[in-house]
Amino acid sequence: MRMLKNCFVGQINNFIAHRCSFGNKETSYTALAEFDAFCARHYPYEQILTKELAIGNNVHQLAVKANALGFIDAPKLDTEMRE
């Protein structure tokens, strides 16, 4: 298992182990590793998954994607925001 850093480590590891018991690969959960890094960096002492934390993570993922592309894909962003 990968080394996670935030206070949700137990729940994330349990979720990954549960999914892997059904044959999923641990490497398919990179989004959880990114979520872990985001929480550790921005909310190091948070012990409850709040709406603010979840929205902050979503906005961060969108910003990372826009930075990597060099632009904001407005139609795709609109679709992702509605999901």
Protein backbone atom coordinates (compact mmCIF):
# COMPACT_ATOMS: atom_id res chain seq x y z
CA MET A 1 0.00 0.00 0.00
CA ARG A 2 1.11 3.52 -0.72
CA MET A 3 2.03 5.83 2.14
CA LEU A 4 -0.80 8.26 2.79
CA LYS A 5 -0.43 11.36 4.94
CA ASN A 6 -3.75 12.80 6.11
CA CYS A 7 -6.13 11.89 8.91
CA PHE A 8 -8.35 9.91 6.52
CA VAL A 9 -5.60 7.31 6.00
CA GLY A 10 -7.47 4.51 7.76
CA GLN A 11 -10.66 5.00 5.77
CA ILE A 12 -8.83 5.36 2.44
CA ASN A 13 -6.70 2.25 3.05
CA ASN A 14 -9.76 0.26 4.10
CA PHE A 15 -11.63 1.37 0.98
CA ILE A 16 -8.72 0.45 -1.31
CA ALA A 17 -8.27 -2.94 0.40
CA HIS A 18 -12.01 -3.62 0.08
CA ARG A 19 -12.01 -2.74 -3.64
CA CYS A 20 -8.84 -4.79 -4.24
CA SER A 21 -10.53 -7.81 -2.63
CA PHE A 22 -12.91 -7.72 -5.62
CA GLY A 23 -9.98 -7.82 -8.05
CA ASN A 24 -9.42 -4.11 -8.62
CA LYS A 25 -5.83 -2.92 -8.78
CA GLU A 26 -4.50 -0.60 -6.11
CA THR A 27 -2.93 1.57 -8.80
CA SER A 28 -6.39 2.44 -10.13
CA TYR A 29 -6.96 4.71 -7.11
CA THR A 30 -4.57 7.54 -7.96
CA ALA A 31 -7.36 10.09 -7.39
CA LEU A 32 -7.43 9.03 -3.73
CA ALA A 33 -3.68 9.60 -3.47
CA GLU A 34 -4.18 13.07 -4.96
CA PHE A 35 -7.03 13.71 -2.50
CA ASP A 36 -4.77 12.57 0.34
CA ALA A 37 -1.99 14.94 -0.73
CA PHE A 38 -4.47 17.82 -1.06
CA CYS A 39 -5.88 17.19 2.43
CA ALA A 40 -2.43 16.86 3.97
CA ARG A 41 -1.29 20.11 2.36
CA HIS A 42 -4.39 22.29 2.88
CA TYR A 43 -6.31 20.69 5.77
CA PRO A 44 -3.67 18.84 7.85
CA TYR A 45 -5.76 18.73 11.05
CA GLU A 46 -9.22 18.18 9.57
CA GLN A 47 -10.82 15.03 10.97
CA ILE A 48 -14.22 15.29 9.31
CA LEU A 49 -14.81 15.23 5.58
CA THR A 50 -16.66 18.49 5.07
CA LYS A 51 -18.37 19.97 2.04
CA GLU A 52 -15.72 22.73 2.02
CA LEU A 53 -12.92 20.17 1.85
CA ALA A 54 -14.59 18.23 -0.98
CA ILE A 55 -15.31 21.38 -3.01
CA GLY A 56 -11.77 22.63 -2.40
CA ASN A 57 -10.36 19.37 -3.74
CA ASN A 58 -12.58 19.56 -6.84
CA VAL A 59 -11.53 23.15 -7.56
CA HIS A 60 -7.89 22.16 -7.05
CA GLN A 61 -8.21 19.29 -9.56
CA LEU A 62 -9.77 21.64 -12.12
CA ALA A 63 -6.98 24.17 -11.63
CA VAL A 64 -4.30 21.48 -12.05
CA LYS A 65 -5.96 20.30 -15.26
CA ALA A 66 -6.28 23.85 -16.64
CA ASN A 67 -2.65 24.55 -15.81
CA ALA A 68 -1.49 21.35 -17.53
CA LEU A 69 -3.52 22.14 -20.66
CA GLY A 70 -2.60 25.81 -20.66
CA PHE A 71 -6.25 26.81 -21.04
CA ILE A 72 -9.69 26.12 -19.62
CA ASP A 73 -11.88 23.88 -21.75
CA ALA A 74 -15.16 25.69 -20.95
CA PRO A 75 -17.60 23.13 -22.43
CA LYS A 76 -15.85 20.25 -20.64
CA LEU A 77 -15.67 22.26 -17.42
CA ASP A 78 -19.40 22.96 -17.65
CA THR A 79 -20.11 19.24 -18.13
CA GLU A 80 -17.89 18.23 -15.21
CA MET A 81 -19.44 20.83 -12.93
CA ARG A 82 -22.94 19.47 -13.64
CA GLU A 83 -21.94 15.87 -12.78
